[in-house]
C-alpha atoms as a PDB file:
ATOM      1  CA  UNK A   1     -15.902  11.953 -27.972  1.00  0.00           C
ATOM      2  CA  UNK A   2     -14.851   8.770 -26.355  1.00  0.00           C
ATOM      3  CA  UNK A   3     -15.429   8.029 -22.330  1.00  0.00           C
ATOM      4  CA  UNK A   4     -12.396   8.972 -21.179  1.00  0.00           C
ATOM      5  CA  UNK A   5     -12.821   7.233 -17.805  1.00  0.00           C
ATOM      6  CA  UNK A   6     -12.772   4.034 -20.680  1.00  0.00           C
ATOM      7  CA  UNK A   7      -8.554   3.956 -20.490  1.00  0.00           C
ATOM      8  CA  UNK A   8      -7.767   6.441 -17.238  1.00  0.00           C
ATOM      9  CA  UNK A   9      -5.325   4.595 -15.526  1.00  0.00           C
ATOM     10  CA  UNK A  10      -5.874   6.231 -11.750  1.00  0.00           C
ATOM     11  CA  UNK A  11      -4.843   5.635  -8.363  1.00  0.00           C
ATOM     12  CA  UNK A  12      -5.894   7.242  -4.869  1.00  0.00           C
ATOM     13  CA  UNK A  13      -4.262   7.011  -1.640  1.00  0.00           C
ATOM     14  CA  UNK A  14      -5.148   9.034   1.676  1.00  0.00           C
ATOM     15  CA  UNK A  15      -2.975   8.457   4.540  1.00  0.00           C
ATOM     16  CA  UNK A  16      -4.999   7.585   7.886  1.00  0.00           C
ATOM     17  CA  UNK A  17      -4.674   9.570  10.549  1.00  0.00           C
ATOM     18  CA  UNK A  18      -2.185   7.937  13.344  1.00  0.00           C
ATOM     19  CA  UNK A  19      -3.645   7.190  16.706  1.00  0.00           C
ATOM     20  CA  UNK A  20      -1.006   9.303  19.196  1.00  0.00           C
ATOM     21  CA  UNK A  21      -0.333  12.236  21.176  1.00  0.00           C
ATOM     22  CA  UNK A  22       1.908  14.631  19.878  1.00  0.00           C
ATOM     23  CA  UNK A  23       3.017  18.133  19.999  1.00  0.00           C
ATOM     24  CA  UNK A  24       3.432  18.477  16.367  1.00  0.00           C
ATOM     25  CA  UNK A  25       0.489  16.510  14.602  1.00  0.00           C
ATOM     26  CA  UNK A  26       1.414  14.204  11.404  1.00  0.00           C
ATOM     27  CA  UNK A  27       0.790  15.645   8.052  1.00  0.00           C
ATOM     28  CA  UNK A  28      -2.026  13.764   6.373  1.00  0.00           C
ATOM     29  CA  UNK A  29      -1.487  13.938   2.540  1.00  0.00           C
ATOM     30  CA  UNK A  30      -4.309  12.969   0.339  1.00  0.00           C
ATOM     31  CA  UNK A  31      -2.742  11.998  -3.423  1.00  0.00           C
ATOM     32  CA  UNK A  32      -4.699  11.355  -6.536  1.00  0.00           C
ATOM     33  CA  UNK A  33      -3.376  10.115 -10.079  1.00  0.00           C
ATOM     34  CA  UNK A  34      -4.378   9.444 -13.299  1.00  0.00           C
ATOM     35  CA  UNK A  35      -2.787   8.699 -16.885  1.00  0.00           C
ATOM     36  CA  UNK A  36      -4.039   8.600 -20.356  1.00  0.00           C
ATOM     37  CA  UNK A  37      -2.550   7.686 -23.568  1.00  0.00           C
ATOM     38  CA  UNK A  38      -4.313  10.334 -25.335  1.00  0.00           C
ATOM     39  CA  UNK A  39      -5.952  10.482 -28.993  1.00  0.00           C
ATOM     40  CA  UNK A  40      -3.012  10.381 -30.876  1.00  0.00           C
ATOM     41  CA  UNK A  41      -0.128   8.026 -29.579  1.00  0.00           C
ATOM     42  CA  UNK A  42      -0.423   4.316 -30.067  1.00  0.00           C
ATOM     43  CA  UNK A  43       1.004   3.780 -26.700  1.00  0.00           C
ATOM     44  CA  UNK A  44       1.617   5.446 -23.182  1.00  0.00           C
ATOM     45  CA  UNK A  45       5.396   6.432 -22.389  1.00  0.00           C
ATOM     46  CA  UNK A  46       4.152   7.945 -19.073  1.00  0.00           C
ATOM     47  CA  UNK A  47       4.919   6.538 -15.948  1.00  0.00           C
ATOM     48  CA  UNK A  48       3.894   7.783 -12.528  1.00  0.00           C
ATOM     49  CA  UNK A  49       4.311   6.481  -8.970  1.00  0.00           C
ATOM     50  CA  UNK A  50       3.381   7.410  -5.685  1.00  0.00           C
ATOM     51  CA  UNK A  51       5.448   5.953  -2.637  1.00  0.00           C
ATOM     52  CA  UNK A  52       4.723   6.332   1.061  1.00  0.00           C
ATOM     53  CA  UNK A  53       7.314   5.217   3.655  1.00  0.00           C
ATOM     54  CA  UNK A  54       6.571   4.792   7.571  1.00  0.00           C
ATOM     55  CA  UNK A  55       8.191   5.043  10.762  1.00  0.00           C
ATOM     56  CA  UNK A  56       6.840   4.343  13.801  1.00  0.00           C
ATOM     57  CA  UNK A  57       7.753   2.961  17.413  1.00  0.00           C
ATOM     58  CA  UNK A  58       5.943   2.014  20.220  1.00  0.00           C
ATOM     59  CA  UNK A  59       6.885   0.794  23.846  1.00  0.00           C
ATOM     60  CA  UNK A  60       6.526  -2.546  24.680  1.00  0.00           C
ATOM     61  CA  UNK A  61       7.300  -2.024  28.324  1.00  0.00           C
ATOM     62  CA  UNK A  62       8.695   0.723  30.379  1.00  0.00           C
ATOM     63  CA  UNK A  63       8.981   1.227  34.160  1.00  0.00           C
ATOM     64  CA  UNK A  64       7.594   4.763  33.376  1.00  0.00           C
ATOM     65  CA  UNK A  65       3.941   5.899  34.196  1.00  0.00           C
ATOM     66  CA  UNK A  66       1.323   5.025  31.383  1.00  0.00           C
ATOM     67  CA  UNK A  67       0.749   7.379  29.000  1.00  0.00           C
ATOM     68  CA  UNK A  68       4.702   9.001  29.186  1.00  0.00           C
ATOM     69  CA  UNK A  69       6.228   7.301  26.391  1.00  0.00           C
ATOM     70  CA  UNK A  70       3.567   7.968  23.473  1.00  0.00           C
ATOM     71  CA  UNK A  71       3.127   5.797  20.328  1.00  0.00           C
ATOM     72  CA  UNK A  72       3.619   7.548  17.045  1.00  0.00           C
ATOM     73  CA  UNK A  73       3.784   7.168  13.372  1.00  0.00           C
ATOM     74  CA  UNK A  74       5.371   9.464  10.885  1.00  0.00           C
ATOM     75  CA  UNK A  75       5.099   9.215   7.232  1.00  0.00           C
ATOM     76  CA  UNK A  76       7.137  10.352   4.047  1.00  0.00           C
ATOM     77  CA  UNK A  77       6.015  10.195   0.547  1.00  0.00           C
ATOM     78  CA  UNK A  78       7.766  10.142  -2.807  1.00  0.00           C
ATOM     79  CA  UNK A  79       5.735  11.348  -6.021  1.00  0.00           C
ATOM     80  CA  UNK A  80       6.932  11.416  -9.572  1.00  0.00           C
ATOM     81  CA  UNK A  81       5.976  11.634 -13.265  1.00  0.00           C
ATOM     82  CA  UNK A  82       8.332  10.705 -15.755  1.00  0.00           C
ATOM     83  CA  UNK A  83       7.484  11.018 -19.948  1.00  0.00           C
ATOM     84  CA  UNK A  84       9.633   8.883 -21.837  1.00  0.00           C
ATOM     85  CA  UNK A  85      11.042   9.822 -25.188  1.00  0.00           C
ATOM     86  CA  UNK A  86      12.509   7.721 -28.054  1.00  0.00           C
ATOM     87  CA  UNK A  87       9.690   6.345 -30.447  1.00  0.00           C
ATOM     88  CA  UNK A  88       8.226   3.122 -30.571  1.00  0.00           C
ATOM     89  CA  UNK A  89       8.032   1.532 -26.967  1.00  0.00           C
ATOM     90  CA  UNK A  90      11.662   2.949 -26.111  1.00  0.00           C
ATOM     91  CA  UNK A  91      10.070   5.700 -24.526  1.00  0.00           C
ATOM     92  CA  UNK A  92       7.959   3.306 -22.096  1.00  0.00           C
ATOM     93  CA  UNK A  93      11.636   1.420 -21.485  1.00  0.00           C
ATOM     94  CA  UNK A  94      13.252   4.822 -20.089  1.00  0.00           C
ATOM     95  CA  UNK A  95      10.651   6.161 -17.667  1.00  0.00           C
ATOM     96  CA  UNK A  96       9.957   2.684 -16.729  1.00  0.00           C
ATOM     97  CA  UNK A  97      13.589   2.335 -15.748  1.00  0.00           C
ATOM     98  CA  UNK A  98      13.791   5.487 -14.156  1.00  0.00           C
ATOM     99  CA  UNK A  99      10.659   4.754 -11.790  1.00  0.00           C
ATOM    100  CA  UNK A 100      11.603   1.262 -10.894  1.00  0.00           C
ATOM    101  CA  UNK A 101      15.296   2.784 -10.112  1.00  0.00           C
ATOM    102  CA  UNK A 102      13.726   5.366  -7.753  1.00  0.00           C
ATOM    103  CA  UNK A 103      11.905   2.422  -6.172  1.00  0.00           C
ATOM    104  CA  UNK A 104      14.981   0.400  -5.564  1.00  0.00           C
ATOM    105  CA  UNK A 105      17.222   3.369  -4.362  1.00  0.00           C
ATOM    106  CA  UNK A 106      14.284   4.503  -2.080  1.00  0.00           C
ATOM    107  CA  UNK A 107      14.967   1.692   0.342  1.00  0.00           C
ATOM    108  CA  UNK A 108      18.876   2.504   0.663  1.00  0.00           C
ATOM    109  CA  UNK A 109      17.912   5.999   1.654  1.00  0.00           C
ATOM    110  CA  UNK A 110      17.751   4.800   5.332  1.00  0.00           C
ATOM    111  CA  UNK A 111      15.656   6.867   7.998  1.00  0.00           C
ATOM    112  CA  UNK A 112      14.404  10.738   6.711  1.00  0.00           C
ATOM    113  CA  UNK A 113      15.462  13.280   9.549  1.00  0.00           C
ATOM    114  CA  UNK A 114      13.195  13.920  12.228  1.00  0.00           C
ATOM    115  CA  UNK A 115      13.464  17.640  11.425  1.00  0.00           C
ATOM    116  CA  UNK A 116      14.489  19.405   7.977  1.00  0.00           C
ATOM    117  CA  UNK A 117      17.523  21.591   8.821  1.00  0.00           C
ATOM    118  CA  UNK A 118      20.215  22.849   6.591  1.00  0.00           C
ATOM    119  CA  UNK A 119      22.457  20.299   7.410  1.00  0.00           C
ATOM    120  CA  UNK A 120      19.767  17.284   6.554  1.00  0.00           C
ATOM    121  CA  UNK A 121      18.298  19.654   3.773  1.00  0.00           C
ATOM    122  CA  UNK A 122      21.659  19.567   1.975  1.00  0.00           C
ATOM    123  CA  UNK A 123      22.198  16.277   2.830  1.00  0.00           C
ATOM    124  CA  UNK A 124      19.117  14.783   1.217  1.00  0.00           C
ATOM    125  CA  UNK A 125      19.563  17.318  -2.060  1.00  0.00           C
ATOM    126  CA  UNK A 126      23.016  15.774  -2.401  1.00  0.00           C
ATOM    127  CA  UNK A 127      21.724  11.944  -2.412  1.00  0.00           C
ATOM    128  CA  UNK A 128      19.124  12.909  -4.500  1.00  0.00           C
ATOM    129  CA  UNK A 129      21.463  14.164  -7.076  1.00  0.00           C
ATOM    130  CA  UNK A 130      23.445  11.227  -6.831  1.00  0.00           C
ATOM    131  CA  UNK A 131      20.396   9.424  -7.814  1.00  0.00           C
ATOM    132  CA  UNK A 132      19.922  11.458 -10.597  1.00  0.00           C
ATOM    133  CA  UNK A 133      23.386  10.809 -12.280  1.00  0.00           C
ATOM    134  CA  UNK A 134      22.586   7.079 -11.474  1.00  0.00           C
ATOM    135  CA  UNK A 135      19.115   6.701 -13.504  1.00  0.00           C
ATOM    136  CA  UNK A 136      20.696   8.628 -16.348  1.00  0.00           C
ATOM    137  CA  UNK A 137      23.819   6.334 -16.258  1.00  0.00           C
ATOM    138  CA  UNK A 138      21.695   3.234 -16.291  1.00  0.00           C
ATOM    139  CA  UNK A 139      19.407   4.134 -19.051  1.00  0.00           C
ATOM    140  CA  UNK A 140      22.505   5.012 -21.320  1.00  0.00           C
ATOM    141  CA  UNK A 141      23.851   1.768 -20.513  1.00  0.00           C
ATOM    142  CA  UNK A 142      20.811  -0.390 -21.061  1.00  0.00           C
ATOM    143  CA  UNK A 143      21.064   1.617 -24.561  1.00  0.00           C
ATOM    144  CA  UNK A 144      24.672   0.164 -25.033  1.00  0.00           C
ATOM    145  CA  UNK A 145      23.517  -3.269 -24.168  1.00  0.00           C
ATOM    146  CA  UNK A 146      20.555  -3.276 -26.577  1.00  0.00           C
ATOM    147  CA  UNK A 147      21.227  -1.034 -29.965  1.00  0.00           C
ATOM    148  CA  UNK A 148      17.836  -0.791 -30.857  1.00  0.00           C
ATOM    149  CA  UNK A 149      17.214   1.358 -27.741  1.00  0.00           C
ATOM    150  CA  UNK A 150      19.712   3.807 -28.740  1.00  0.00           C
ATOM    151  CA  UNK A 151      18.390   7.290 -28.217  1.00  0.00           C
ATOM    152  CA  UNK A 152      15.858   6.793 -25.546  1.00  0.00           C
ATOM    153  CA  UNK A 153      15.370   9.222 -22.501  1.00  0.00           C
ATOM    154  CA  UNK A 154      13.132  10.539 -20.158  1.00  0.00           C
ATOM    155  CA  UNK A 155      11.895  13.474 -18.098  1.00  0.00           C
ATOM    156  CA  UNK A 156      11.672  13.076 -14.350  1.00  0.00           C
ATOM    157  CA  UNK A 157      10.050  15.212 -11.759  1.00  0.00           C
ATOM    158  CA  UNK A 158       9.508  14.185  -8.004  1.00  0.00           C
ATOM    159  CA  UNK A 159       8.329  15.433  -5.085  1.00  0.00           C
ATOM    160  CA  UNK A 160       9.942  14.132  -1.629  1.00  0.00           C
ATOM    161  CA  UNK A 161       7.873  15.288   1.237  1.00  0.00           C
ATOM    162  CA  UNK A 162       8.808  14.818   5.110  1.00  0.00           C
ATOM    163  CA  UNK A 163       5.913  16.644   6.876  1.00  0.00           C
ATOM    164  CA  UNK A 164       5.328  20.270   5.265  1.00  0.00           C
ATOM    165  CA  UNK A 165       9.374  19.946   4.037  1.00  0.00           C
ATOM    166  CA  UNK A 166       8.885  18.894   0.469  1.00  0.00           C
ATOM    167  CA  UNK A 167      12.161  18.642  -1.912  1.00  0.00           C
ATOM    168  CA  UNK A 168      11.355  19.326  -5.828  1.00  0.00           C
ATOM    169  CA  UNK A 169      13.667  17.170  -8.138  1.00  0.00           C
ATOM    170  CA  UNK A 170      13.376  18.111 -11.657  1.00  0.00           C
ATOM    171  CA  UNK A 171      14.942  17.397 -15.128  1.00  0.00           C
ATOM    172  CA  UNK A 172      13.068  18.152 -18.517  1.00  0.00           C
ATOM    173  CA  UNK A 173       9.498  19.489 -19.277  1.00  0.00           C
ATOM    174  CA  UNK A 174       7.289  18.071 -17.195  1.00  0.00           C
ATOM    175  CA  UNK A 175       6.218  20.391 -14.933  1.00  0.00           C
ATOM    176  CA  UNK A 176       5.484  20.626 -10.869  1.00  0.00           C
ATOM    177  CA  UNK A 177       3.237  23.492  -9.482  1.00  0.00           C
ATOM    178  CA  UNK A 178       2.382  24.689  -6.214  1.00  0.00           C
ATOM    179  CA  UNK A 179      -1.119  26.159  -5.409  1.00  0.00           C
ATOM    180  CA  UNK A 180      -1.843  27.892  -2.289  1.00  0.00           C
ATOM    181  CA  UNK A 181      -4.663  29.929  -1.464  1.00  0.00           C
ATOM    182  CA  UNK A 182      -6.054  31.596  -4.597  1.00  0.00           C
ATOM    183  CA  UNK A 183      -2.818  31.324  -6.117  1.00  0.00           C
ATOM    184  CA  UNK A 184      -0.566  28.905  -8.189  1.00  0.00           C
ATOM    185  CA  UNK A 185       2.639  28.793  -9.493  1.00  0.00           C
ATOM    186  CA  UNK A 186       4.848  26.757 -11.624  1.00  0.00           C
ATOM    187  CA  UNK A 187       7.908  25.635  -9.633  1.00  0.00           C
ATOM    188  CA  UNK A 188       9.900  24.165 -12.230  1.00  0.00           C
ATOM    189  CA  UNK A 189      11.528  25.636 -15.522  1.00  0.00           C
ATOM    190  CA  UNK A 190      11.277  23.935 -18.699  1.00  0.00           C
ATOM    191  CA  UNK A 191      14.719  22.266 -20.179  1.00  0.00           C
ATOM    192  CA  UNK A 192      13.720  22.966 -23.504  1.00  0.00           C
ATOM    193  CA  UNK A 193      15.281  25.342 -26.091  1.00  0.00           C
ATOM    194  CA  UNK A 194      12.137  27.285 -26.265  1.00  0.00           C
ATOM    195  CA  UNK A 195      12.761  28.232 -22.665  1.00  0.00           C
ATOM    196  CA  UNK A 196      16.199  29.231 -23.449  1.00  0.00           C
ATOM    197  CA  UNK A 197      15.566  31.418 -25.976  1.00  0.00           C
ATOM    198  CA  UNK A 198      12.532  33.030 -23.931  1.00  0.00           C
ATOM    199  CA  UNK A 199      15.148  33.664 -21.370  1.00  0.00           C
ATOM    200  CA  UNK A 200      17.559  35.223 -24.294  1.00  0.00           C
ATOM    201  CA  UNK A 201      14.748  37.735 -24.889  1.00  0.00           C
ATOM    202  CA  UNK A 202      12.831  36.508 -27.412  1.00  0.00           C
ATOM    203  CA  UNK A 203       9.129  36.636 -27.822  1.00  0.00           C
ATOM    204  CA  UNK A 204       7.725  33.344 -26.679  1.00  0.00           C
ATOM    205  CA  UNK A 205       5.266  33.240 -29.796  1.00  0.00           C
ATOM    206  CA  UNK A 206       8.444  32.963 -31.948  1.00  0.00           C
ATOM    207  CA  UNK A 207       9.769  29.844 -30.213  1.00  0.00           C
ATOM    208  CA  UNK A 208       6.919  27.167 -30.886  1.00  0.00           C
ATOM    209  CA  UNK A 209       9.110  25.315 -32.775  1.00  0.00           C
ATOM    210  CA  UNK A 210      11.418  24.398 -30.023  1.00  0.00           C
ATOM    211  CA  UNK A 211       9.018  24.313 -27.293  1.00  0.00           C
ATOM    212  CA  UNK A 212       9.875  20.005 -27.249  1.00  0.00           C
ATOM    213  CA  UNK A 213      13.555  20.478 -27.931  1.00  0.00           C
ATOM    214  CA  UNK A 214      14.812  19.332 -24.444  1.00  0.00           C
ATOM    215  CA  UNK A 215      18.231  21.024 -23.334  1.00  0.00           C
ATOM    216  CA  UNK A 216      18.682  18.597 -20.117  1.00  0.00           C
ATOM    217  CA  UNK A 217      16.873  14.876 -19.629  1.00  0.00           C
ATOM    218  CA  UNK A 218      17.636  11.512 -18.564  1.00  0.00           C
ATOM    219  CA  UNK A 219      19.270   9.029 -21.059  1.00  0.00           C
ATOM    220  CA  UNK A 220      19.026  10.090 -24.679  1.00  0.00           C
ATOM    221  CA  UNK A 221      22.487  11.338 -26.353  1.00  0.00           C
ATOM    222  CA  UNK A 222      23.147  13.758 -23.253  1.00  0.00           C
ATOM    223  CA  UNK A 223      26.638  13.126 -21.524  1.00  0.00           C
ATOM    224  CA  UNK A 224      25.855  15.078 -18.947  1.00  0.00           C
ATOM    225  CA  UNK A 225      22.742  15.971 -17.034  1.00  0.00           C
ATOM    226  CA  UNK A 226      21.873  18.508 -14.461  1.00  0.00           C
ATOM    227  CA  UNK A 227      19.175  18.010 -11.806  1.00  0.00           C
ATOM    228  CA  UNK A 228      17.202  20.842 -10.233  1.00  0.00           C
ATOM    229  CA  UNK A 229      16.161  20.534  -6.659  1.00  0.00           C
ATOM    230  CA  UNK A 230      13.926  23.101  -4.961  1.00  0.00           C
ATOM    231  CA  UNK A 231      13.082  22.804  -1.170  1.00  0.00           C
ATOM    232  CA  UNK A 232       9.934  24.481  -0.072  1.00  0.00           C
ATOM    233  CA  UNK A 233       7.841  24.587   3.463  1.00  0.00           C
ATOM    234  CA  UNK A 234       4.377  24.284   2.495  1.00  0.00           C
ATOM    235  CA  UNK A 235       1.307  25.383   4.728  1.00  0.00           C
ATOM    236  CA  UNK A 236      -1.669  23.019   5.645  1.00  0.00           C
ATOM    237  CA  UNK A 237      -3.953  22.958   2.604  1.00  0.00           C
ATOM    238  CA  UNK A 238      -1.428  23.504   0.060  1.00  0.00           C
ATOM    239  CA  UNK A 239      -1.283  21.246  -3.281  1.00  0.00           C
ATOM    240  CA  UNK A 240       1.374  20.312  -5.353  1.00  0.00           C
ATOM    241  CA  UNK A 241       0.596  19.252  -8.869  1.00  0.00           C
ATOM    242  CA  UNK A 242       2.744  17.113 -11.333  1.00  0.00           C
ATOM    243  CA  UNK A 243       2.093  16.554 -14.975  1.00  0.00           C
ATOM    244  CA  UNK A 244       3.845  15.523 -18.255  1.00  0.00           C
ATOM    245  CA  UNK A 245       3.540  18.016 -21.149  1.00  0.00           C
ATOM    246  CA  UNK A 246       0.754  16.463 -22.309  1.00  0.00           C
ATOM    247  CA  UNK A 247      -1.444  18.278 -19.944  1.00  0.00           C
ATOM    248  CA  UNK A 248       0.501  21.866 -19.432  1.00  0.00           C
ATOM    249  CA  UNK A 249       0.415  21.863 -23.651  1.00  0.00           C
ATOM    250  CA  UNK A 250      -3.515  22.169 -23.496  1.00  0.00           C
ATOM    251  CA  UNK A 251      -4.097  23.258 -20.001  1.00  0.00           C
ATOM    252  CA  UNK A 252      -3.319  26.505 -18.225  1.00  0.00           C
ATOM    253  CA  UNK A 253      -1.900  26.657 -14.850  1.00  0.00           C
ATOM    254  CA  UNK A 254      -5.063  29.096 -14.021  1.00  0.00           C
ATOM    255  CA  UNK A 255      -7.353  26.000 -15.194  1.00  0.00           C
ATOM    256  CA  UNK A 256      -5.396  23.383 -13.100  1.00  0.00           C
ATOM    257  CA  UNK A 257      -6.269  25.412 -10.052  1.00  0.00           C
ATOM    258  CA  UNK A 258      -9.684  25.997 -10.952  1.00  0.00           C
ATOM    259  CA  UNK A 259      -9.670  21.755 -11.230  1.00  0.00           C
ATOM    260  CA  UNK A 260      -8.439  21.420  -7.786  1.00  0.00           C
ATOM    261  CA  UNK A 261     -10.545  24.331  -6.368  1.00  0.00           C
ATOM    262  CA  UNK A 262     -14.223  23.229  -8.110  1.00  0.00           C
ATOM    263  CA  UNK A 263     -13.728  19.511  -7.545  1.00  0.00           C
ATOM    264  CA  UNK A 264     -14.121  17.006  -4.508  1.00  0.00           C
ATOM    265  CA  UNK A 265     -10.748  15.967  -3.674  1.00  0.00           C
ATOM    266  CA  UNK A 266      -7.264  15.154  -5.574  1.00  0.00           C
ATOM    267  CA  UNK A 267      -8.330  12.076  -7.732  1.00  0.00           C
ATOM    268  CA  UNK A 268     -11.428  13.921  -8.936  1.00  0.00           C
ATOM    269  CA  UNK A 269      -9.178  17.094  -9.808  1.00  0.00           C
ATOM    270  CA  UNK A 270      -6.946  14.519 -11.665  1.00  0.00           C
ATOM    271  CA  UNK A 271      -9.583  13.213 -13.532  1.00  0.00           C
ATOM    272  CA  UNK A 272     -11.101  16.855 -14.544  1.00  0.00           C
ATOM    273  CA  UNK A 273      -7.841  17.836 -16.089  1.00  0.00           C
ATOM    274  CA  UNK A 274      -7.347  14.509 -18.220  1.00  0.00           C
ATOM    275  CA  UNK A 275     -11.110  15.254 -19.742  1.00  0.00           C
ATOM    276  CA  UNK A 276      -9.882  18.991 -20.705  1.00  0.00           C
ATOM    277  CA  UNK A 277      -6.410  17.667 -22.279  1.00  0.00           C
ATOM    278  CA  UNK A 278      -8.555  15.361 -23.952  1.00  0.00           C
ATOM    279  CA  UNK A 279     -11.392  17.721 -25.045  1.00  0.00           C
ATOM    280  CA  UNK A 280      -8.497  19.605 -26.713  1.00  0.00           C
ATOM    281  CA  UNK A 281      -7.023  17.171 -28.652  1.00  0.00           C
ATOM    282  CA  UNK A 282      -5.393  14.895 -26.740  1.00  0.00           C
ATOM    283  CA  UNK A 283      -2.158  14.839 -28.824  1.00  0.00           C
ATOM    284  CA  UNK A 284       0.248  13.725 -26.057  1.00  0.00           C
ATOM    285  CA  UNK A 285       0.314  11.171 -23.417  1.00  0.00           C
ATOM    286  CA  UNK A 286      -1.252  13.078 -20.279  1.00  0.00           C
ATOM    287  CA  UNK A 287      -0.468  12.247 -16.896  1.00  0.00           C
ATOM    288  CA  UNK A 288      -1.134  14.196 -13.234  1.00  0.00           C
ATOM    289  CA  UNK A 289      -0.328  13.549  -9.982  1.00  0.00           C
ATOM    290  CA  UNK A 290      -1.887  16.018  -7.212  1.00  0.00           C
ATOM    291  CA  UNK A 291      -1.254  15.939  -3.588  1.00  0.00           C
ATOM    292  CA  UNK A 292      -3.003  17.622  -0.528  1.00  0.00           C
ATOM    293  CA  UNK A 293      -1.101  18.750   2.397  1.00  0.00           C
ATOM    294  CA  UNK A 294      -2.846  19.030   5.749  1.00  0.00           C
ATOM    295  CA  UNK A 295      -2.723  18.135   9.295  1.00  0.00           C
ATOM    296  CA  UNK A 296      -4.586  14.863  10.690  1.00  0.00           C
ATOM    297  CA  UNK A 297      -6.312  16.495  13.055  1.00  0.00           C
END
């Protein structure tokens, strides 16, 4: 087996602890990410991104006693994976366009709320759905402008974190998992014909031929797209895992959990999971992003 490290695209980032006093310590997030073309495909149509936003304040001058106005710094994260489709390099175009659009739109989100309550959560989810619709239109518009790109599309699974409040946004069959303690659960639902048949009562073993027939995606020939959005409140030490089907087809949720608990850090877990998928054939592009949420103190 070729050395998987030779072509792994990897990212690791740890948020530094903020030097400030506060009644609610800022959340420290350790993120790892990796992507591999696999053993069969000629090009990698997967894309990923880890985006950190910072908000800080500092009292330059005040008549109040020293130490009354604390300096503080808060962080928010956007994590995402996108699995392009369309053949040749067209899938790469769609997934790249999705990631670039999110980067552009993120700047227009303004400040995130100090506290996530029902009103701010609803507003954020409405904004996110608007972003999903815009990405969908941009991909379809690009295909109209360049006929050779007709049919290109992409999945998108993303996380927006504000402290321990996280919003999981999902279109397609890339997945998001939540690992906590000794448990792991799949947050997202696969938007595939196979999943629809299972929901209708058909045995999963009889739906394999439809496992990768998407019923919801960005772009492609779909006139409409539906965004699946979940709001979770995490605990210290929880993990969120995003991955494309190049991983989830070959590595079970329990094995993902074992990689997280059995390796040293998010990046090591990502690379171990890529290795597992390659050992089992690496029949598709493989991408995984893992984030561990915990206090900075």
